[in-house]
Amino acid sequence: MTILVGYAPSKAADAALDTALDIARSTGEHVVVVNAGPGGEHRTKSLVTEEQQRGVQARLDASGVTAEFRQYARGRSTVEEMKDVAAELDPSIVVIGVRRRGGFGRFVMGSVSDELLQEIDQPVLCVKEYRQYGDHTPEAVSHVAETDPATHGLPASEPM
């Protein structure tokens, strides 16, 4: 089974990546990190630079799970690329970061995460960016419950 992570250079995406890696350590699943955007002259802030890509790859290499990074800049939207990769891989779960933006901001600006929730057929886990608590930022997940990959990484249910 595979966990698909949508990644753009942001604190929310970093939190999503941390969460996906924690789930993968618990379930033994493969992680595929996708960074996508139009590219070319339409390059957006959603595409990572080569330096940022090396940083993500270093995190994946140090994670202790099998993982890969893919970048798509083929003139298609982030949502189109993620939808196609999700259809190709049929992941047990798709993990994305969400920014803290109010309803009006989402109405005016739109939201890739909202579109992904509507368009992707697999379960989608939305992860908020970490909040700072003084000098401490909490760990992504300090404990992950025992999970059953057959239930899309959700905790195994108790027998009745």
N, C-alpha and C. Protein backbone atom coordinates (compact mmCIF):
# COMPACT_ATOMS: atom_id res chain seq x y z
N MET A 1 0.85 -1.18 0.00
CA MET A 1 0.00 0.00 0.00
C MET A 1 0.89 1.25 0.00
N THR A 2 0.29 2.35 -0.40
CA THR A 2 1.02 3.60 -0.57
C THR A 2 0.30 4.73 0.13
N ILE A 3 1.08 5.65 0.68
CA ILE A 3 0.56 6.91 1.21
C ILE A 3 1.02 7.99 0.24
N LEU A 4 0.09 8.78 -0.25
CA LEU A 4 0.40 9.87 -1.17
C LEU A 4 0.36 11.18 -0.41
N VAL A 5 1.41 11.99 -0.57
CA VAL A 5 1.51 13.28 0.12
C VAL A 5 1.59 14.39 -0.92
N GLY A 6 0.70 15.36 -0.81
CA GLY A 6 0.79 16.56 -1.63
C GLY A 6 1.72 17.53 -0.93
N TYR A 7 2.72 18.03 -1.63
CA TYR A 7 3.73 18.87 -0.97
C TYR A 7 3.98 20.16 -1.75
N ALA A 8 3.96 21.26 -1.04
CA ALA A 8 4.38 22.58 -1.54
C ALA A 8 5.20 23.21 -0.43
N PRO A 9 6.07 24.15 -0.74
CA PRO A 9 6.90 24.73 0.32
C PRO A 9 6.06 25.55 1.30
N SER A 10 5.66 24.91 2.39
CA SER A 10 4.87 25.60 3.42
C SER A 10 4.96 24.83 4.73
N LYS A 11 4.63 25.52 5.81
CA LYS A 11 4.63 24.86 7.12
C LYS A 11 3.56 23.77 7.18
N ALA A 12 2.42 24.02 6.55
CA ALA A 12 1.35 23.03 6.54
C ALA A 12 1.78 21.76 5.80
N ALA A 13 2.47 21.92 4.68
CA ALA A 13 2.95 20.76 3.93
C ALA A 13 4.02 20.01 4.71
N ASP A 14 4.87 20.74 5.44
CA ASP A 14 5.86 20.08 6.30
C ASP A 14 5.17 19.24 7.36
N ALA A 15 4.10 19.77 7.95
CA ALA A 15 3.34 19.02 8.96
C ALA A 15 2.69 17.79 8.33
N ALA A 16 2.16 17.94 7.11
CA ALA A 16 1.55 16.81 6.40
C ALA A 16 2.59 15.73 6.12
N LEU A 17 3.77 16.14 5.69
CA LEU A 17 4.84 15.18 5.41
C LEU A 17 5.25 14.44 6.68
N ASP A 18 5.42 15.17 7.77
CA ASP A 18 5.77 14.53 9.05
C ASP A 18 4.70 13.51 9.45
N THR A 19 3.44 13.89 9.31
CA THR A 19 2.34 13.00 9.68
C THR A 19 2.33 11.75 8.81
N ALA A 20 2.51 11.93 7.51
CA ALA A 20 2.53 10.78 6.59
C ALA A 20 3.68 9.84 6.91
N LEU A 21 4.85 10.39 7.22
CA LEU A 21 6.00 9.54 7.57
C LEU A 21 5.75 8.79 8.87
N ASP A 22 5.10 9.44 9.84
CA ASP A 22 4.76 8.76 11.08
C ASP A 22 3.79 7.60 10.83
N ILE A 23 2.78 7.84 10.00
CA ILE A 23 1.83 6.78 9.66
C ILE A 23 2.56 5.64 8.96
N ALA A 24 3.44 5.97 8.02
CA ALA A 24 4.17 4.94 7.27
C ALA A 24 5.07 4.12 8.18
N ARG A 25 5.69 4.75 9.18
CA ARG A 25 6.52 3.99 10.12
C ARG A 25 5.66 2.98 10.88
N SER A 26 4.43 3.35 11.17
CA SER A 26 3.53 2.47 11.90
C SER A 26 2.95 1.35 11.03
N THR A 27 2.68 1.66 9.75
CA THR A 27 2.00 0.69 8.88
C THR A 27 2.92 -0.04 7.92
N GLY A 28 4.14 0.48 7.73
CA GLY A 28 5.06 -0.12 6.78
C GLY A 28 4.76 0.24 5.33
N GLU A 29 3.92 1.23 5.13
CA GLU A 29 3.55 1.62 3.76
C GLU A 29 4.64 2.46 3.10
N HIS A 30 4.62 2.46 1.79
CA HIS A 30 5.51 3.26 0.94
C HIS A 30 4.93 4.68 0.85
N VAL A 31 5.78 5.70 0.86
CA VAL A 31 5.33 7.09 0.77
C VAL A 31 5.77 7.68 -0.56
N VAL A 32 4.83 8.31 -1.25
CA VAL A 32 5.13 9.04 -2.48
C VAL A 32 4.77 10.50 -2.24
N VAL A 33 5.78 11.37 -2.32
CA VAL A 33 5.58 12.80 -2.12
C VAL A 33 5.51 13.45 -3.49
N VAL A 34 4.44 14.20 -3.74
CA VAL A 34 4.25 14.84 -5.04
C VAL A 34 4.22 16.35 -4.88
N ASN A 35 5.05 17.01 -5.68
CA ASN A 35 5.05 18.46 -5.79
C ASN A 35 4.64 18.78 -7.22
N ALA A 36 3.60 19.60 -7.39
CA ALA A 36 3.09 19.83 -8.73
C ALA A 36 2.61 21.27 -8.91
N GLY A 37 2.71 21.72 -10.12
CA GLY A 37 2.23 23.04 -10.50
C GLY A 37 2.43 23.24 -11.99
N PRO A 38 1.94 24.35 -12.53
CA PRO A 38 2.01 24.57 -13.97
C PRO A 38 3.42 24.56 -14.55
N GLY A 39 4.39 25.18 -13.87
CA GLY A 39 5.76 25.21 -14.38
C GLY A 39 5.94 26.20 -15.50
N GLY A 40 7.15 26.18 -16.08
CA GLY A 40 7.48 27.08 -17.18
C GLY A 40 7.30 28.53 -16.81
N GLU A 41 6.76 29.31 -17.72
CA GLU A 41 6.55 30.73 -17.45
C GLU A 41 5.44 30.95 -16.42
N HIS A 42 4.68 29.91 -16.13
CA HIS A 42 3.60 30.00 -15.15
C HIS A 42 4.03 29.45 -13.80
N ARG A 43 5.34 29.38 -13.56
CA ARG A 43 5.87 28.83 -12.31
C ARG A 43 5.21 29.52 -11.12
N THR A 44 4.79 28.74 -10.16
CA THR A 44 4.12 29.28 -8.98
C THR A 44 4.94 28.99 -7.74
N LYS A 45 4.51 29.57 -6.63
CA LYS A 45 5.17 29.33 -5.36
C LYS A 45 4.98 27.90 -4.88
N SER A 46 4.05 27.17 -5.50
CA SER A 46 3.80 25.79 -5.07
C SER A 46 4.91 24.84 -5.49
N LEU A 47 5.68 25.19 -6.51
CA LEU A 47 6.78 24.33 -6.95
C LEU A 47 8.01 24.55 -6.09
N VAL A 48 8.63 23.47 -5.67
CA VAL A 48 9.83 23.58 -4.85
C VAL A 48 11.04 23.86 -5.72
N THR A 49 12.01 24.54 -5.14
CA THR A 49 13.28 24.78 -5.82
C THR A 49 14.14 23.52 -5.70
N GLU A 50 15.25 23.48 -6.43
CA GLU A 50 16.15 22.33 -6.32
C GLU A 50 16.67 22.18 -4.89
N GLU A 51 16.98 23.29 -4.25
CA GLU A 51 17.46 23.24 -2.86
C GLU A 51 16.39 22.69 -1.93
N GLN A 52 15.15 23.14 -2.09
CA GLN A 52 14.06 22.62 -1.27
C GLN A 52 13.82 21.14 -1.54
N GLN A 53 13.96 20.74 -2.80
CA GLN A 53 13.79 19.32 -3.14
C GLN A 53 14.86 18.48 -2.45
N ARG A 54 16.09 18.97 -2.42
CA ARG A 54 17.15 18.23 -1.71
C ARG A 54 16.82 18.11 -0.22
N GLY A 55 16.24 19.16 0.36
CA GLY A 55 15.84 19.11 1.77
C GLY A 55 14.76 18.08 2.02
N VAL A 56 13.76 18.03 1.15
CA VAL A 56 12.70 17.02 1.29
C VAL A 56 13.29 15.63 1.12
N GLN A 57 14.14 15.45 0.12
CA GLN A 57 14.75 14.14 -0.11
C GLN A 57 15.58 13.70 1.09
N ALA A 58 16.29 14.63 1.72
CA ALA A 58 17.07 14.30 2.92
C ALA A 58 16.14 13.84 4.04
N ARG A 59 14.99 14.49 4.20
CA ARG A 59 14.02 14.06 5.21
C ARG A 59 13.50 12.67 4.91
N LEU A 60 13.23 12.39 3.65
CA LEU A 60 12.74 11.07 3.27
C LEU A 60 13.81 10.01 3.53
N ASP A 61 15.06 10.31 3.16
CA ASP A 61 16.16 9.36 3.36
C ASP A 61 16.37 9.05 4.84
N ALA A 62 16.17 10.04 5.70
CA ALA A 62 16.39 9.87 7.14
C ALA A 62 15.17 9.29 7.86
N SER A 63 14.07 9.12 7.16
CA SER A 63 12.80 8.75 7.81
C SER A 63 12.71 7.29 8.23
N GLY A 64 13.48 6.43 7.59
CA GLY A 64 13.38 5.01 7.91
C GLY A 64 12.25 4.30 7.18
N VAL A 65 11.60 4.96 6.23
CA VAL A 65 10.56 4.32 5.43
C VAL A 65 10.95 4.39 3.96
N THR A 66 10.35 3.52 3.15
CA THR A 66 10.60 3.62 1.71
C THR A 66 9.76 4.78 1.18
N ALA A 67 10.43 5.67 0.49
CA ALA A 67 9.75 6.89 0.04
C ALA A 67 10.39 7.40 -1.23
N GLU A 68 9.61 8.14 -2.00
CA GLU A 68 10.13 8.78 -3.21
C GLU A 68 9.50 10.15 -3.37
N PHE A 69 10.22 11.02 -4.07
CA PHE A 69 9.76 12.37 -4.36
C PHE A 69 9.54 12.50 -5.86
N ARG A 70 8.39 13.04 -6.24
CA ARG A 70 8.09 13.28 -7.65
C ARG A 70 7.71 14.75 -7.82
N GLN A 71 8.18 15.35 -8.90
CA GLN A 71 7.78 16.72 -9.21
C GLN A 71 7.20 16.76 -10.62
N TYR A 72 6.06 17.41 -10.74
CA TYR A 72 5.40 17.56 -12.04
C TYR A 72 5.21 19.04 -12.33
N ALA A 73 5.74 19.50 -13.45
CA ALA A 73 5.58 20.88 -13.91
C ALA A 73 5.33 20.82 -15.41
N ARG A 74 4.15 20.29 -15.76
CA ARG A 74 3.84 20.01 -17.16
C ARG A 74 2.72 20.89 -17.71
N GLY A 75 2.51 22.04 -17.07
CA GLY A 75 1.47 22.95 -17.55
C GLY A 75 0.08 22.62 -17.05
N ARG A 76 -0.02 21.69 -16.12
CA ARG A 76 -1.32 21.30 -15.56
C ARG A 76 -1.42 21.79 -14.12
N SER A 77 -2.62 21.88 -13.62
CA SER A 77 -2.81 22.36 -12.25
C SER A 77 -2.36 21.31 -11.23
N THR A 78 -2.12 21.78 -10.02
CA THR A 78 -1.76 20.88 -8.93
C THR A 78 -2.84 19.83 -8.73
N VAL A 79 -4.10 20.24 -8.77
CA VAL A 79 -5.21 19.31 -8.55
C VAL A 79 -5.25 18.24 -9.64
N GLU A 80 -5.06 18.63 -10.90
CA GLU A 80 -5.06 17.66 -12.00
C GLU A 80 -3.95 16.63 -11.82
N GLU A 81 -2.76 17.10 -11.47
CA GLU A 81 -1.62 16.19 -11.29
C GLU A 81 -1.86 15.24 -10.12
N MET A 82 -2.32 15.78 -8.99
CA MET A 82 -2.56 14.94 -7.81
C MET A 82 -3.66 13.92 -8.09
N LYS A 83 -4.69 14.34 -8.78
CA LYS A 83 -5.79 13.43 -9.12
C LYS A 83 -5.28 12.27 -9.98
N ASP A 84 -4.44 12.57 -10.97
CA ASP A 84 -3.89 11.52 -11.83
C ASP A 84 -2.96 10.58 -11.06
N VAL A 85 -2.12 11.12 -10.19
CA VAL A 85 -1.21 10.26 -9.40
C VAL A 85 -2.02 9.39 -8.45
N ALA A 86 -3.06 9.95 -7.84
CA ALA A 86 -3.92 9.16 -6.95
C ALA A 86 -4.61 8.03 -7.73
N ALA A 87 -5.05 8.31 -8.94
CA ALA A 87 -5.68 7.27 -9.76
C ALA A 87 -4.66 6.19 -10.14
N GLU A 88 -3.42 6.60 -10.42
CA GLU A 88 -2.36 5.66 -10.79
C GLU A 88 -1.98 4.76 -9.62
N LEU A 89 -1.78 5.35 -8.44
CA LEU A 89 -1.25 4.61 -7.29
C LEU A 89 -2.33 3.97 -6.43
N ASP A 90 -3.55 4.49 -6.47
CA ASP A 90 -4.63 4.07 -5.58
C ASP A 90 -4.14 3.96 -4.13
N PRO A 91 -3.67 5.07 -3.55
CA PRO A 91 -3.11 5.04 -2.21
C PRO A 91 -4.16 4.72 -1.15
N SER A 92 -3.70 4.21 -0.02
CA SER A 92 -4.62 3.95 1.09
C SER A 92 -5.13 5.27 1.67
N ILE A 93 -4.31 6.32 1.57
CA ILE A 93 -4.69 7.64 2.08
C ILE A 93 -3.86 8.70 1.36
N VAL A 94 -4.45 9.87 1.21
CA VAL A 94 -3.76 11.03 0.65
C VAL A 94 -3.63 12.04 1.79
N VAL A 95 -2.43 12.53 2.03
CA VAL A 95 -2.19 13.47 3.14
C VAL A 95 -1.80 14.82 2.55
N ILE A 96 -2.53 15.87 2.96
CA ILE A 96 -2.25 17.22 2.46
C ILE A 96 -2.22 18.19 3.63
N GLY A 97 -1.49 19.28 3.45
CA GLY A 97 -1.46 20.34 4.44
C GLY A 97 -2.52 21.38 4.12
N VAL A 98 -3.07 21.98 5.15
CA VAL A 98 -4.06 23.05 4.97
C VAL A 98 -3.62 24.27 5.75
N ARG A 99 -3.78 25.42 5.10
CA ARG A 99 -3.43 26.68 5.75
C ARG A 99 -4.62 27.18 6.56
N ARG A 100 -4.31 27.99 7.54
CA ARG A 100 -5.36 28.59 8.37
C ARG A 100 -5.86 29.85 7.66
N ARG A 101 -6.87 29.67 6.84
CA ARG A 101 -7.46 30.80 6.14
C ARG A 101 -8.96 30.77 6.40
N GLY A 102 -9.54 31.92 6.67
CA GLY A 102 -10.97 32.00 6.94
C GLY A 102 -11.81 31.70 5.72
N GLY A 103 -13.11 31.57 5.94
CA GLY A 103 -14.04 31.25 4.87
C GLY A 103 -14.02 32.27 3.74
N PHE A 104 -13.95 33.56 4.08
CA PHE A 104 -13.93 34.59 3.04
C PHE A 104 -12.67 34.48 2.20
N GLY A 105 -11.53 34.25 2.85
CA GLY A 105 -10.27 34.09 2.11
C GLY A 105 -10.32 32.91 1.17
N ARG A 106 -10.93 31.81 1.61
CA ARG A 106 -11.06 30.65 0.75
C ARG A 106 -12.02 30.92 -0.39
N PHE A 107 -13.07 31.69 -0.11
CA PHE A 107 -14.04 32.03 -1.15
C PHE A 107 -13.39 32.89 -2.23
N VAL A 108 -12.61 33.88 -1.81
CA VAL A 108 -11.99 34.81 -2.76
C VAL A 108 -10.83 34.14 -3.49
N MET A 109 -9.96 33.46 -2.76
CA MET A 109 -8.73 32.91 -3.32
C MET A 109 -8.87 31.47 -3.82
N GLY A 110 -9.87 30.76 -3.37
CA GLY A 110 -9.97 29.35 -3.70
C GLY A 110 -9.01 28.56 -2.83
N SER A 111 -9.05 27.26 -2.92
CA SER A 111 -8.19 26.44 -2.09
C SER A 111 -7.90 25.13 -2.80
N VAL A 112 -6.61 24.86 -3.00
CA VAL A 112 -6.21 23.59 -3.60
C VAL A 112 -6.68 22.44 -2.72
N SER A 113 -6.55 22.59 -1.40
CA SER A 113 -6.96 21.51 -0.50
C SER A 113 -8.46 21.25 -0.61
N ASP A 114 -9.28 22.30 -0.73
CA ASP A 114 -10.72 22.09 -0.91
C ASP A 114 -11.01 21.34 -2.21
N GLU A 115 -10.32 21.71 -3.28
CA GLU A 115 -10.52 21.02 -4.56
C GLU A 115 -10.09 19.56 -4.48
N LEU A 116 -8.96 19.31 -3.80
CA LEU A 116 -8.49 17.93 -3.67
C LEU A 116 -9.50 17.09 -2.90
N LEU A 117 -10.07 17.66 -1.85
CA LEU A 117 -11.09 16.94 -1.08
C LEU A 117 -12.26 16.53 -1.96
N GLN A 118 -12.63 17.40 -2.89
CA GLN A 118 -13.76 17.12 -3.78
C GLN A 118 -13.40 16.15 -4.90
N GLU A 119 -12.18 16.22 -5.41
CA GLU A 119 -11.81 15.51 -6.64
C GLU A 119 -11.19 14.13 -6.45
N ILE A 120 -10.50 13.92 -5.33
CA ILE A 120 -9.79 12.65 -5.14
C ILE A 120 -10.72 11.63 -4.51
N ASP A 121 -10.72 10.41 -5.07
CA ASP A 121 -11.62 9.36 -4.62
C ASP A 121 -11.16 8.68 -3.33
N GLN A 122 -9.88 8.71 -3.03
CA GLN A 122 -9.35 8.04 -1.85
C GLN A 122 -9.57 8.91 -0.61
N PRO A 123 -9.43 8.31 0.58
CA PRO A 123 -9.53 9.10 1.81
C PRO A 123 -8.44 10.17 1.85
N VAL A 124 -8.80 11.36 2.31
CA VAL A 124 -7.86 12.48 2.38
C VAL A 124 -7.75 12.93 3.83
N LEU A 125 -6.51 13.00 4.32
CA LEU A 125 -6.23 13.50 5.66
C LEU A 125 -5.66 14.90 5.52
N CYS A 126 -6.34 15.89 6.11
CA CYS A 126 -5.87 17.28 6.07
C CYS A 126 -5.15 17.59 7.38
N VAL A 127 -3.95 18.13 7.27
CA VAL A 127 -3.11 18.42 8.44
C VAL A 127 -2.85 19.91 8.50
N LYS A 128 -3.12 20.51 9.67
CA LYS A 128 -2.85 21.94 9.86
C LYS A 128 -1.37 22.14 10.17
N GLU A 129 -0.89 23.34 9.87
CA GLU A 129 0.49 23.67 10.22
C GLU A 129 0.62 23.69 11.74
N TYR A 130 1.85 23.48 12.20
CA TYR A 130 2.11 23.50 13.63
C TYR A 130 1.96 24.92 14.16
N ARG A 131 1.47 25.02 15.38
CA ARG A 131 1.43 26.31 16.06
C ARG A 131 2.60 26.36 17.02
N GLN A 132 3.17 27.53 17.16
CA GLN A 132 4.26 27.72 18.11
C GLN A 132 3.69 27.89 19.52
N TYR A 133 4.26 27.21 20.47
CA TYR A 133 3.90 27.35 21.88
C TYR A 133 5.15 27.80 22.61
N GLY A 134 5.34 29.10 22.71
CA GLY A 134 6.56 29.62 23.31
C GLY A 134 7.74 29.20 22.47
N ASP A 135 8.71 28.55 23.09
CA ASP A 135 9.89 28.09 22.37
C ASP A 135 9.75 26.64 21.91
N HIS A 136 8.54 26.10 21.99
CA HIS A 136 8.35 24.68 21.71
C HIS A 136 7.35 24.49 20.57
N THR A 137 7.72 23.70 19.59
CA THR A 137 6.80 23.25 18.56
C THR A 137 6.56 21.77 18.79
N PRO A 138 5.30 21.34 18.92
CA PRO A 138 5.03 19.93 19.20
C PRO A 138 5.51 19.02 18.09
N GLU A 139 5.82 17.79 18.46
CA GLU A 139 6.20 16.78 17.47
C GLU A 139 4.99 16.50 16.60
N ALA A 140 5.23 15.98 15.39
CA ALA A 140 4.13 15.71 14.46
C ALA A 140 3.12 14.77 15.11
N VAL A 141 3.57 13.61 15.52
CA VAL A 141 2.72 12.64 16.20
C VAL A 141 3.62 11.91 17.17
N SER A 142 3.31 12.00 18.46
CA SER A 142 4.18 11.34 19.42
C SER A 142 3.83 9.87 19.56
N HIS A 143 2.59 9.52 19.23
CA HIS A 143 2.19 8.12 19.30
C HIS A 143 1.15 7.88 18.22
N VAL A 144 1.36 6.85 17.43
CA VAL A 144 0.39 6.47 16.42
C VAL A 144 -0.22 5.14 16.85
N ALA A 145 -1.54 5.08 16.91
CA ALA A 145 -2.22 3.87 17.32
C ALA A 145 -1.91 2.74 16.35
N GLU A 146 -2.04 1.50 16.83
CA GLU A 146 -1.88 0.37 15.92
C GLU A 146 -2.88 0.53 14.80
N THR A 147 -2.41 0.33 13.59
CA THR A 147 -3.30 0.53 12.45
C THR A 147 -3.32 -0.69 11.56
N ASP A 148 -4.37 -0.78 10.81
CA ASP A 148 -4.56 -1.87 9.86
C ASP A 148 -4.58 -1.27 8.46
N PRO A 149 -3.54 -1.53 7.63
CA PRO A 149 -3.51 -0.94 6.29
C PRO A 149 -4.76 -1.26 5.47
N ALA A 150 -5.42 -2.36 5.76
CA ALA A 150 -6.64 -2.70 5.01
C ALA A 150 -7.77 -1.73 5.30
N THR A 151 -7.68 -1.00 6.41
CA THR A 151 -8.71 -0.01 6.73
C THR A 151 -8.21 1.39 6.44
N HIS A 152 -7.30 1.52 5.47
CA HIS A 152 -6.75 2.81 5.05
C HIS A 152 -5.99 3.51 6.16
N GLY A 153 -5.29 2.73 6.98
CA GLY A 153 -4.45 3.32 8.01
C GLY A 153 -5.21 3.78 9.23
N LEU A 154 -6.51 3.52 9.30
CA LEU A 154 -7.28 3.90 10.47
C LEU A 154 -7.08 2.85 11.55
N PRO A 155 -7.25 3.23 12.82
CA PRO A 155 -7.06 2.24 13.88
C PRO A 155 -7.96 1.03 13.67
N ALA A 156 -7.40 -0.13 13.95
CA ALA A 156 -8.17 -1.36 13.82
C ALA A 156 -9.34 -1.32 14.80
N SER A 157 -10.50 -1.80 14.38
CA SER A 157 -11.68 -1.74 15.24
C SER A 157 -11.64 -2.87 16.26
N GLU A 158 -12.30 -2.62 17.37
CA GLU A 158 -12.38 -3.61 18.43
C GLU A 158 -13.39 -4.69 18.03
N PRO A 159 -13.13 -5.96 18.35
CA PRO A 159 -14.12 -7.00 18.06
C PRO A 159 -15.35 -6.80 18.93
N MET A 160 -16.51 -7.13 18.39
CA MET A 160 -17.77 -6.95 19.14
C MET A 160 -18.16 -8.22 19.82
